[in-house]
Each structure stands twice: as C-alpha cells, then as structure tokens.
Amino acid sequence: SGLCTDEEFVRRAHLDAIGRLPTPDRVRAFLADHSP
C-alpha cells in the first residue's frame, strides 16, 4: 500500500508509542508542519 496520511500517522504513532491519543493541538501542529 501507499504511505498513510499525516492524520493516520500522528494517531497511529501516539497509540503505539505511548498508548494515548494525540491532543487536538498536537494534531494541528503536526498537520501544519511541512518539513520532510
């Protein structure tokens, strides 16, 4: 499959690494960040 979206990755990474959902502010910041 292709790469997951940024929305999918930020949620997946939080749940797998720390077992918790990202906060709305953390999601916004991640989606607004365009660095590679």
PDB file of all heavy atoms in Angstrom:
ATOM      1  N   SER A   1       0.839  -1.189   0.000  1.00  0.00           N
ATOM      2  CA  SER A   1       0.000   0.000   0.000  1.00  0.00           C
ATOM      3  C   SER A   1       0.876   1.242   0.000  1.00  0.00           C
ATOM      4  O   SER A   1       2.080   1.179   0.274  1.00  0.00           O
ATOM      5  CB  SER A   1      -0.910  -0.004   1.235  1.00  0.00           C
ATOM      6  OG  SER A   1      -1.774  -1.122   1.214  1.00  0.00           O
ATOM      7  N   GLY A   2       0.256   2.374  -0.288  1.00  0.00           N
ATOM      8  CA  GLY A   2       0.993   3.632  -0.233  1.00  0.00           C
ATOM      9  C   GLY A   2       1.177   4.097   1.199  1.00  0.00           C
ATOM     10  O   GLY A   2       0.748   3.440   2.150  1.00  0.00           O
ATOM     11  N   LEU A   3       1.824   5.225   1.358  1.00  0.00           N
ATOM     12  CA  LEU A   3       2.031   5.776   2.693  1.00  0.00           C
ATOM     13  C   LEU A   3       0.702   6.198   3.317  1.00  0.00           C
ATOM     14  O   LEU A   3      -0.211   6.646   2.620  1.00  0.00           O
ATOM     15  CB  LEU A   3       2.954   6.984   2.635  1.00  0.00           C
ATOM     16  CG  LEU A   3       4.462   6.738   2.618  1.00  0.00           C
ATOM     17  CD1 LEU A   3       5.185   8.068   2.591  1.00  0.00           C
ATOM     18  CD2 LEU A   3       4.902   5.917   3.823  1.00  0.00           C
ATOM     19  N   CYS A   4       0.603   6.052   4.622  1.00  0.00           N
ATOM     20  CA  CYS A   4      -0.572   6.551   5.322  1.00  0.00           C
ATOM     21  C   CYS A   4      -0.554   8.077   5.320  1.00  0.00           C
ATOM     22  O   CYS A   4       0.485   8.716   5.092  1.00  0.00           O
ATOM     23  CB  CYS A   4      -0.604   6.024   6.753  1.00  0.00           C
ATOM     24  SG  CYS A   4       0.741   6.620   7.815  1.00  0.00           S
ATOM     25  N   THR A   5      -1.690   8.685   5.582  1.00  0.00           N
ATOM     26  CA  THR A   5      -1.773  10.139   5.651  1.00  0.00           C
ATOM     27  C   THR A   5      -1.136  10.638   6.941  1.00  0.00           C
ATOM     28  O   THR A   5      -0.911   9.870   7.885  1.00  0.00           O
ATOM     29  CB  THR A   5      -3.236  10.593   5.609  1.00  0.00           C
ATOM     30  OG1 THR A   5      -3.904  10.121   6.793  1.00  0.00           O
ATOM     31  CG2 THR A   5      -3.951  10.049   4.373  1.00  0.00           C
ATOM     32  N   ASP A   6      -0.881  11.928   6.993  1.00  0.00           N
ATOM     33  CA  ASP A   6      -0.343  12.507   8.225  1.00  0.00           C
ATOM     34  C   ASP A   6      -1.323  12.344   9.383  1.00  0.00           C
ATOM     35  O   ASP A   6      -0.910  12.138  10.537  1.00  0.00           O
ATOM     36  CB  ASP A   6      -0.038  13.997   8.019  1.00  0.00           C
ATOM     37  CG  ASP A   6       1.252  14.222   7.243  1.00  0.00           C
ATOM     38  OD1 ASP A   6       2.046  13.265   7.113  1.00  0.00           O
ATOM     39  OD2 ASP A   6       1.462  15.356   6.760  1.00  0.00           O
ATOM     40  N   GLU A   7      -2.619  12.456   9.093  1.00  0.00           N
ATOM     41  CA  GLU A   7      -3.625  12.282  10.145  1.00  0.00           C
ATOM     42  C   GLU A   7      -3.562  10.862  10.711  1.00  0.00           C
ATOM     43  O   GLU A   7      -3.649  10.662  11.928  1.00  0.00           O
ATOM     44  CB  GLU A   7      -5.028  12.565   9.595  1.00  0.00           C
ATOM     45  CG  GLU A   7      -5.286  14.014   9.227  1.00  0.00           C
ATOM     46  CD  GLU A   7      -4.914  14.340   7.788  1.00  0.00           C
ATOM     47  OE1 GLU A   7      -4.150  13.545   7.171  1.00  0.00           O
ATOM     48  OE2 GLU A   7      -5.382  15.361   7.264  1.00  0.00           O
ATOM     49  N   GLU A   8      -3.415   9.888   9.816  1.00  0.00           N
ATOM     50  CA  GLU A   8      -3.327   8.498  10.273  1.00  0.00           C
ATOM     51  C   GLU A   8      -2.041   8.261  11.054  1.00  0.00           C
ATOM     52  O   GLU A   8      -2.037   7.579  12.096  1.00  0.00           O
ATOM     53  CB  GLU A   8      -3.395   7.545   9.077  1.00  0.00           C
ATOM     54  CG  GLU A   8      -4.761   7.498   8.409  1.00  0.00           C
ATOM     55  CD  GLU A   8      -4.745   6.764   7.076  1.00  0.00           C
ATOM     56  OE1 GLU A   8      -3.680   6.758   6.404  1.00  0.00           O
ATOM     57  OE2 GLU A   8      -5.790   6.213   6.713  1.00  0.00           O
ATOM     58  N   PHE A   9      -0.944   8.855  10.580  1.00  0.00           N
ATOM     59  CA  PHE A   9       0.334   8.597  11.235  1.00  0.00           C
ATOM     60  C   PHE A   9       0.391   9.198  12.628  1.00  0.00           C
ATOM     61  O   PHE A   9       0.873   8.543  13.563  1.00  0.00           O
ATOM     62  CB  PHE A   9       1.500   9.136  10.403  1.00  0.00           C
ATOM     63  CG  PHE A   9       2.833   8.869  11.040  1.00  0.00           C
ATOM     64  CD1 PHE A   9       3.401   7.612  10.966  1.00  0.00           C
ATOM     65  CD2 PHE A   9       3.498   9.865  11.740  1.00  0.00           C
ATOM     66  CE1 PHE A   9       4.624   7.349  11.574  1.00  0.00           C
ATOM     67  CE2 PHE A   9       4.715   9.618  12.349  1.00  0.00           C
ATOM     68  CZ  PHE A   9       5.283   8.351  12.263  1.00  0.00           C
ATOM     69  N   VAL A  10      -0.092  10.406  12.808  1.00  0.00           N
ATOM     70  CA  VAL A  10       0.020  11.038  14.117  1.00  0.00           C
ATOM     71  C   VAL A  10      -0.790  10.264  15.154  1.00  0.00           C
ATOM     72  O   VAL A  10      -0.383  10.118  16.309  1.00  0.00           O
ATOM     73  CB  VAL A  10      -0.405  12.525  14.052  1.00  0.00           C
ATOM     74  CG1 VAL A  10      -1.907  12.689  13.825  1.00  0.00           C
ATOM     75  CG2 VAL A  10       0.025  13.261  15.324  1.00  0.00           C
ATOM     76  N   ARG A  11      -1.922   9.730  14.736  1.00  0.00           N
ATOM     77  CA  ARG A  11      -2.737   8.928  15.664  1.00  0.00           C
ATOM     78  C   ARG A  11      -2.077   7.578  15.926  1.00  0.00           C
ATOM     79  O   ARG A  11      -1.981   7.124  17.073  1.00  0.00           O
ATOM     80  CB  ARG A  11      -4.136   8.737  15.078  1.00  0.00           C
ATOM     81  CG  ARG A  11      -5.154   8.112  16.032  1.00  0.00           C
ATOM     82  CD  ARG A  11      -6.535   8.059  15.379  1.00  0.00           C
ATOM     83  NE  ARG A  11      -7.581   7.848  16.355  1.00  0.00           N
ATOM     84  CZ  ARG A  11      -8.051   6.648  16.715  1.00  0.00           C
ATOM     85  NH1 ARG A  11      -7.546   5.571  16.160  1.00  0.00           N
ATOM     86  NH2 ARG A  11      -9.010   6.542  17.625  1.00  0.00           N
ATOM     87  N   ARG A  12      -1.648   6.926  14.859  1.00  0.00           N
ATOM     88  CA  ARG A  12      -1.009   5.612  14.977  1.00  0.00           C
ATOM     89  C   ARG A  12       0.232   5.683  15.854  1.00  0.00           C
ATOM     90  O   ARG A  12       0.436   4.838  16.742  1.00  0.00           O
ATOM     91  CB  ARG A  12      -0.638   5.107  13.587  1.00  0.00           C
ATOM     92  CG  ARG A  12       0.050   3.761  13.564  1.00  0.00           C
ATOM     93  CD  ARG A  12       0.549   3.426  12.155  1.00  0.00           C
ATOM     94  NE  ARG A  12      -0.507   3.424  11.156  1.00  0.00           N
ATOM     95  CZ  ARG A  12      -0.311   3.249   9.863  1.00  0.00           C
ATOM     96  NH1 ARG A  12       0.927   3.070   9.398  1.00  0.00           N
ATOM     97  NH2 ARG A  12      -1.315   3.264   9.009  1.00  0.00           N
ATOM     98  N   ALA A  13       1.069   6.659  15.611  1.00  0.00           N
ATOM     99  CA  ALA A  13       2.327   6.771  16.349  1.00  0.00           C
ATOM    100  C   ALA A  13       2.086   7.003  17.833  1.00  0.00           C
ATOM    101  O   ALA A  13       2.771   6.426  18.685  1.00  0.00           O
ATOM    102  CB  ALA A  13       3.176   7.898  15.762  1.00  0.00           C
ATOM    103  N   HIS A  14       1.115   7.854  18.167  1.00  0.00           N
ATOM    104  CA  HIS A  14       0.799   8.093  19.573  1.00  0.00           C
ATOM    105  C   HIS A  14       0.289   6.828  20.249  1.00  0.00           C
ATOM    106  O   HIS A  14       0.728   6.474  21.353  1.00  0.00           O
ATOM    107  CB  HIS A  14      -0.237   9.208  19.702  1.00  0.00           C
ATOM    108  CG  HIS A  14       0.339  10.588  19.685  1.00  0.00           C
ATOM    109  ND1 HIS A  14       0.756  11.203  18.519  1.00  0.00           N
ATOM    110  CD2 HIS A  14       0.568  11.491  20.688  1.00  0.00           C
ATOM    111  CE1 HIS A  14       1.208  12.417  18.805  1.00  0.00           C
ATOM    112  NE2 HIS A  14       1.115  12.614  20.110  1.00  0.00           N
ATOM    113  N   LEU A  15      -0.639   6.136  19.604  1.00  0.00           N
ATOM    114  CA  LEU A  15      -1.215   4.939  20.210  1.00  0.00           C
ATOM    115  C   LEU A  15      -0.183   3.835  20.377  1.00  0.00           C
ATOM    116  O   LEU A  15      -0.189   3.112  21.382  1.00  0.00           O
ATOM    117  CB  LEU A  15      -2.392   4.445  19.367  1.00  0.00           C
ATOM    118  CG  LEU A  15      -3.658   5.295  19.431  1.00  0.00           C
ATOM    119  CD1 LEU A  15      -4.663   4.844  18.382  1.00  0.00           C
ATOM    120  CD2 LEU A  15      -4.291   5.247  20.825  1.00  0.00           C
ATOM    121  N   ASP A  16       0.719   3.691  19.426  1.00  0.00           N
ATOM    122  CA  ASP A  16       1.718   2.625  19.509  1.00  0.00           C
ATOM    123  C   ASP A  16       2.862   2.966  20.454  1.00  0.00           C
ATOM    124  O   ASP A  16       3.394   2.087  21.142  1.00  0.00           O
ATOM    125  CB  ASP A  16       2.289   2.325  18.120  1.00  0.00           C
ATOM    126  CG  ASP A  16       1.391   1.391  17.322  1.00  0.00           C
ATOM    127  OD1 ASP A  16       0.582   0.672  17.933  1.00  0.00           O
ATOM    128  OD2 ASP A  16       1.501   1.390  16.083  1.00  0.00           O
ATOM    129  N   ALA A  17       3.263   4.214  20.491  1.00  0.00           N
ATOM    130  CA  ALA A  17       4.429   4.590  21.297  1.00  0.00           C
ATOM    131  C   ALA A  17       4.081   4.858  22.747  1.00  0.00           C
ATOM    132  O   ALA A  17       4.840   4.495  23.652  1.00  0.00           O
ATOM    133  CB  ALA A  17       5.117   5.816  20.700  1.00  0.00           C
ATOM    134  N   ILE A  18       2.920   5.501  23.001  1.00  0.00           N
ATOM    135  CA  ILE A  18       2.592   5.868  24.380  1.00  0.00           C
ATOM    136  C   ILE A  18       1.195   5.399  24.799  1.00  0.00           C
ATOM    137  O   ILE A  18       0.781   5.638  25.938  1.00  0.00           O
ATOM    138  CB  ILE A  18       2.713   7.397  24.598  1.00  0.00           C
ATOM    139  CG1 ILE A  18       1.698   8.165  23.744  1.00  0.00           C
ATOM    140  CG2 ILE A  18       4.134   7.862  24.313  1.00  0.00           C
ATOM    141  CD1 ILE A  18       1.670   9.674  24.032  1.00  0.00           C
ATOM    142  N   GLY A  19       0.454   4.774  23.907  1.00  0.00           N
ATOM    143  CA  GLY A  19      -0.854   4.248  24.259  1.00  0.00           C
ATOM    144  C   GLY A  19      -1.931   5.287  24.437  1.00  0.00           C
ATOM    145  O   GLY A  19      -3.016   4.972  24.937  1.00  0.00           O
ATOM    146  N   ARG A  20      -1.681   6.509  24.029  1.00  0.00           N
ATOM    147  CA  ARG A  20      -2.645   7.604  24.217  1.00  0.00           C
ATOM    148  C   ARG A  20      -2.905   8.315  22.896  1.00  0.00           C
ATOM    149  O   ARG A  20      -2.067   8.316  21.984  1.00  0.00           O
ATOM    150  CB  ARG A  20      -2.100   8.633  25.231  1.00  0.00           C
ATOM    151  CG  ARG A  20      -1.723   8.062  26.578  1.00  0.00           C
ATOM    152  CD  ARG A  20      -2.918   7.541  27.359  1.00  0.00           C
ATOM    153  NE  ARG A  20      -3.750   8.612  27.845  1.00  0.00           N
ATOM    154  CZ  ARG A  20      -3.595   9.204  29.044  1.00  0.00           C
ATOM    155  NH1 ARG A  20      -2.608   8.808  29.843  1.00  0.00           N
ATOM    156  NH2 ARG A  20      -4.403  10.157  29.439  1.00  0.00           N
ATOM    157  N   LEU A  21      -4.070   8.961  22.797  1.00  0.00           N
ATOM    158  CA  LEU A  21      -4.398   9.744  21.616  1.00  0.00           C
ATOM    159  C   LEU A  21      -3.635  11.065  21.618  1.00  0.00           C
ATOM    160  O   LEU A  21      -3.353  11.620  22.687  1.00  0.00           O
ATOM    161  CB  LEU A  21      -5.891  10.053  21.581  1.00  0.00           C
ATOM    162  CG  LEU A  21      -6.859   8.911  21.285  1.00  0.00           C
ATOM    163  CD1 LEU A  21      -8.297   9.405  21.445  1.00  0.00           C
ATOM    164  CD2 LEU A  21      -6.643   8.368  19.882  1.00  0.00           C
ATOM    165  N   PRO A  22      -3.331  11.603  20.444  1.00  0.00           N
ATOM    166  CA  PRO A  22      -2.749  12.947  20.402  1.00  0.00           C
ATOM    167  C   PRO A  22      -3.822  13.978  20.746  1.00  0.00           C
ATOM    168  O   PRO A  22      -5.010  13.770  20.470  1.00  0.00           O
ATOM    169  CB  PRO A  22      -2.294  13.092  18.954  1.00  0.00           C
ATOM    170  CG  PRO A  22      -3.207  12.187  18.178  1.00  0.00           C
ATOM    171  CD  PRO A  22      -3.491  11.023  19.089  1.00  0.00           C
ATOM    172  N   THR A  23      -3.426  15.077  21.345  1.00  0.00           N
ATOM    173  CA  THR A  23      -4.382  16.142  21.637  1.00  0.00           C
ATOM    174  C   THR A  23      -4.728  16.882  20.340  1.00  0.00           C
ATOM    175  O   THR A  23      -3.966  16.827  19.365  1.00  0.00           O
ATOM    176  CB  THR A  23      -3.787  17.141  22.634  1.00  0.00           C
ATOM    177  OG1 THR A  23      -2.659  17.790  22.016  1.00  0.00           O
ATOM    178  CG2 THR A  23      -3.346  16.449  23.916  1.00  0.00           C
ATOM    179  N   PRO A  24      -5.863  17.566  20.307  1.00  0.00           N
ATOM    180  CA  PRO A  24      -6.191  18.350  19.110  1.00  0.00           C
ATOM    181  C   PRO A  24      -5.084  19.330  18.725  1.00  0.00           C
ATOM    182  O   PRO A  24      -4.781  19.486  17.531  1.00  0.00           O
ATOM    183  CB  PRO A  24      -7.477  19.064  19.512  1.00  0.00           C
ATOM    184  CG  PRO A  24      -8.130  18.136  20.490  1.00  0.00           C
ATOM    185  CD  PRO A  24      -6.997  17.554  21.278  1.00  0.00           C
ATOM    186  N   ASP A  25      -4.485  19.985  19.710  1.00  0.00           N
ATOM    187  CA  ASP A  25      -3.416  20.936  19.395  1.00  0.00           C
ATOM    188  C   ASP A  25      -2.210  20.230  18.775  1.00  0.00           C
ATOM    189  O   ASP A  25      -1.570  20.770  17.857  1.00  0.00           O
ATOM    190  CB  ASP A  25      -2.978  21.675  20.661  1.00  0.00           C
ATOM    191  CG  ASP A  25      -4.008  22.710  21.109  1.00  0.00           C
ATOM    192  OD1 ASP A  25      -4.873  23.085  20.290  1.00  0.00           O
ATOM    193  OD2 ASP A  25      -3.944  23.134  22.281  1.00  0.00           O
ATOM    194  N   ARG A  26      -1.909  19.029  19.265  1.00  0.00           N
ATOM    195  CA  ARG A  26      -0.759  18.305  18.700  1.00  0.00           C
ATOM    196  C   ARG A  26      -1.050  17.879  17.269  1.00  0.00           C
ATOM    197  O   ARG A  26      -0.165  17.913  16.409  1.00  0.00           O
ATOM    198  CB  ARG A  26      -0.444  17.068  19.563  1.00  0.00           C
ATOM    199  CG  ARG A  26       0.856  16.374  19.130  1.00  0.00           C
ATOM    200  CD  ARG A  26       2.033  17.294  19.420  1.00  0.00           C
ATOM    201  NE  ARG A  26       3.289  16.842  18.833  1.00  0.00           N
ATOM    202  CZ  ARG A  26       3.725  17.163  17.618  1.00  0.00           C
ATOM    203  NH1 ARG A  26       2.983  17.903  16.794  1.00  0.00           N
ATOM    204  NH2 ARG A  26       4.910  16.765  17.197  1.00  0.00           N
ATOM    205  N   VAL A  27      -2.282  17.501  16.989  1.00  0.00           N
ATOM    206  CA  VAL A  27      -2.650  17.125  15.623  1.00  0.00           C
ATOM    207  C   VAL A  27      -2.526  18.335  14.700  1.00  0.00           C
ATOM    208  O   VAL A  27      -1.967  18.245  13.600  1.00  0.00           O
ATOM    209  CB  VAL A  27      -4.080  16.549  15.576  1.00  0.00           C
ATOM    210  CG1 VAL A  27      -4.480  16.257  14.127  1.00  0.00           C
ATOM    211  CG2 VAL A  27      -4.180  15.287  16.415  1.00  0.00           C
ATOM    212  N   ARG A  28      -3.055  19.480  15.154  1.00  0.00           N
ATOM    213  CA  ARG A  28      -2.981  20.695  14.327  1.00  0.00           C
ATOM    214  C   ARG A  28      -1.529  21.052  14.012  1.00  0.00           C
ATOM    215  O   ARG A  28      -1.186  21.386  12.866  1.00  0.00           O
ATOM    216  CB  ARG A  28      -3.649  21.864  15.047  1.00  0.00           C
ATOM    217  CG  ARG A  28      -5.164  21.781  15.148  1.00  0.00           C
ATOM    218  CD  ARG A  28      -5.730  23.104  15.644  1.00  0.00           C
ATOM    219  NE  ARG A  28      -7.144  23.018  15.925  1.00  0.00           N
ATOM    220  CZ  ARG A  28      -7.669  22.743  17.118  1.00  0.00           C
ATOM    221  NH1 ARG A  28      -6.864  22.547  18.159  1.00  0.00           N
ATOM    222  NH2 ARG A  28      -8.971  22.683  17.280  1.00  0.00           N
ATOM    223  N   ALA A  29      -0.690  21.003  15.040  1.00  0.00           N
ATOM    224  CA  ALA A  29       0.714  21.371  14.839  1.00  0.00           C
ATOM    225  C   ALA A  29       1.399  20.422  13.865  1.00  0.00           C
ATOM    226  O   ALA A  29       2.185  20.849  13.011  1.00  0.00           O
ATOM    227  CB  ALA A  29       1.438  21.371  16.187  1.00  0.00           C
ATOM    228  N   PHE A  30       1.104  19.145  13.982  1.00  0.00           N
ATOM    229  CA  PHE A  30       1.729  18.174  13.093  1.00  0.00           C
ATOM    230  C   PHE A  30       1.258  18.365  11.657  1.00  0.00           C
ATOM    231  O   PHE A  30       2.060  18.317  10.715  1.00  0.00           O
ATOM    232  CB  PHE A  30       1.415  16.752  13.569  1.00  0.00           C
ATOM    233  CG  PHE A  30       2.138  15.688  12.806  1.00  0.00           C
ATOM    234  CD1 PHE A  30       3.487  15.446  13.014  1.00  0.00           C
ATOM    235  CD2 PHE A  30       1.474  14.921  11.859  1.00  0.00           C
ATOM    236  CE1 PHE A  30       4.160  14.463  12.301  1.00  0.00           C
ATOM    237  CE2 PHE A  30       2.136  13.944  11.132  1.00  0.00           C
ATOM    238  CZ  PHE A  30       3.489  13.719  11.363  1.00  0.00           C
ATOM    239  N   LEU A  31      -0.030  18.607  11.466  1.00  0.00           N
ATOM    240  CA  LEU A  31      -0.557  18.787  10.116  1.00  0.00           C
ATOM    241  C   LEU A  31      -0.058  20.084   9.483  1.00  0.00           C
ATOM    242  O   LEU A  31       0.083  20.177   8.257  1.00  0.00           O
ATOM    243  CB  LEU A  31      -2.087  18.771  10.136  1.00  0.00           C
ATOM    244  CG  LEU A  31      -2.743  17.466  10.619  1.00  0.00           C
ATOM    245  CD1 LEU A  31      -4.265  17.584  10.551  1.00  0.00           C
ATOM    246  CD2 LEU A  31      -2.265  16.284   9.805  1.00  0.00           C
ATOM    247  N   ALA A  32       0.224  21.081  10.318  1.00  0.00           N
ATOM    248  CA  ALA A  32       0.700  22.367   9.797  1.00  0.00           C
ATOM    249  C   ALA A  32       2.196  22.357   9.485  1.00  0.00           C
ATOM    250  O   ALA A  32       2.703  23.249   8.802  1.00  0.00           O
ATOM    251  CB  ALA A  32       0.394  23.470  10.807  1.00  0.00           C
ATOM    252  N   ASP A  33       2.891  21.352   9.993  1.00  0.00           N
ATOM    253  CA  ASP A  33       4.334  21.239   9.782  1.00  0.00           C
ATOM    254  C   ASP A  33       4.577  20.565   8.427  1.00  0.00           C
ATOM    255  O   ASP A  33       4.135  19.449   8.182  1.00  0.00           O
ATOM    256  CB  ASP A  33       4.937  20.396  10.904  1.00  0.00           C
ATOM    257  CG  ASP A  33       6.459  20.336  10.846  1.00  0.00           C
ATOM    258  OD1 ASP A  33       7.042  20.780   9.828  1.00  0.00           O
ATOM    259  OD2 ASP A  33       7.067  19.823  11.807  1.00  0.00           O
ATOM    260  N   HIS A  34       5.296  21.222   7.551  1.00  0.00           N
ATOM    261  CA  HIS A  34       5.539  20.682   6.214  1.00  0.00           C
ATOM    262  C   HIS A  34       6.988  20.244   5.999  1.00  0.00           C
ATOM    263  O   HIS A  34       7.397  19.986   4.871  1.00  0.00           O
ATOM    264  CB  HIS A  34       5.154  21.724   5.157  1.00  0.00           C
ATOM    265  CG  HIS A  34       3.705  22.112   5.214  1.00  0.00           C
ATOM    266  ND1 HIS A  34       2.688  21.247   4.901  1.00  0.00           N
ATOM    267  CD2 HIS A  34       3.114  23.288   5.579  1.00  0.00           C
ATOM    268  CE1 HIS A  34       1.520  21.858   5.056  1.00  0.00           C
ATOM    269  NE2 HIS A  34       1.750  23.095   5.471  1.00  0.00           N
ATOM    270  N   SER A  35       7.751  20.130   7.078  1.00  0.00           N
ATOM    271  CA  SER A  35       9.148  19.710   6.939  1.00  0.00           C
ATOM    272  C   SER A  35       9.203  18.210   6.643  1.00  0.00           C
ATOM    273  O   SER A  35       8.383  17.429   7.135  1.00  0.00           O
ATOM    274  CB  SER A  35       9.928  20.030   8.215  1.00  0.00           C
ATOM    275  OG  SER A  35       9.315  19.425   9.336  1.00  0.00           O
ATOM    276  N   PRO A  36      10.167  17.772   5.840  1.00  0.00           N
ATOM    277  CA  PRO A  36      10.207  16.363   5.408  1.00  0.00           C
ATOM    278  C   PRO A  36      10.539  15.380   6.521  1.00  0.00           C
ATOM    279  O   PRO A  36      10.269  14.185   6.378  1.00  0.00           O
ATOM    280  CB  PRO A  36      11.293  16.362   4.328  1.00  0.00           C
ATOM    281  CG  PRO A  36      12.150  17.550   4.634  1.00  0.00           C
ATOM    282  CD  PRO A  36      11.231  18.578   5.213  1.00  0.00           C
TER     283      PRO A  36
END
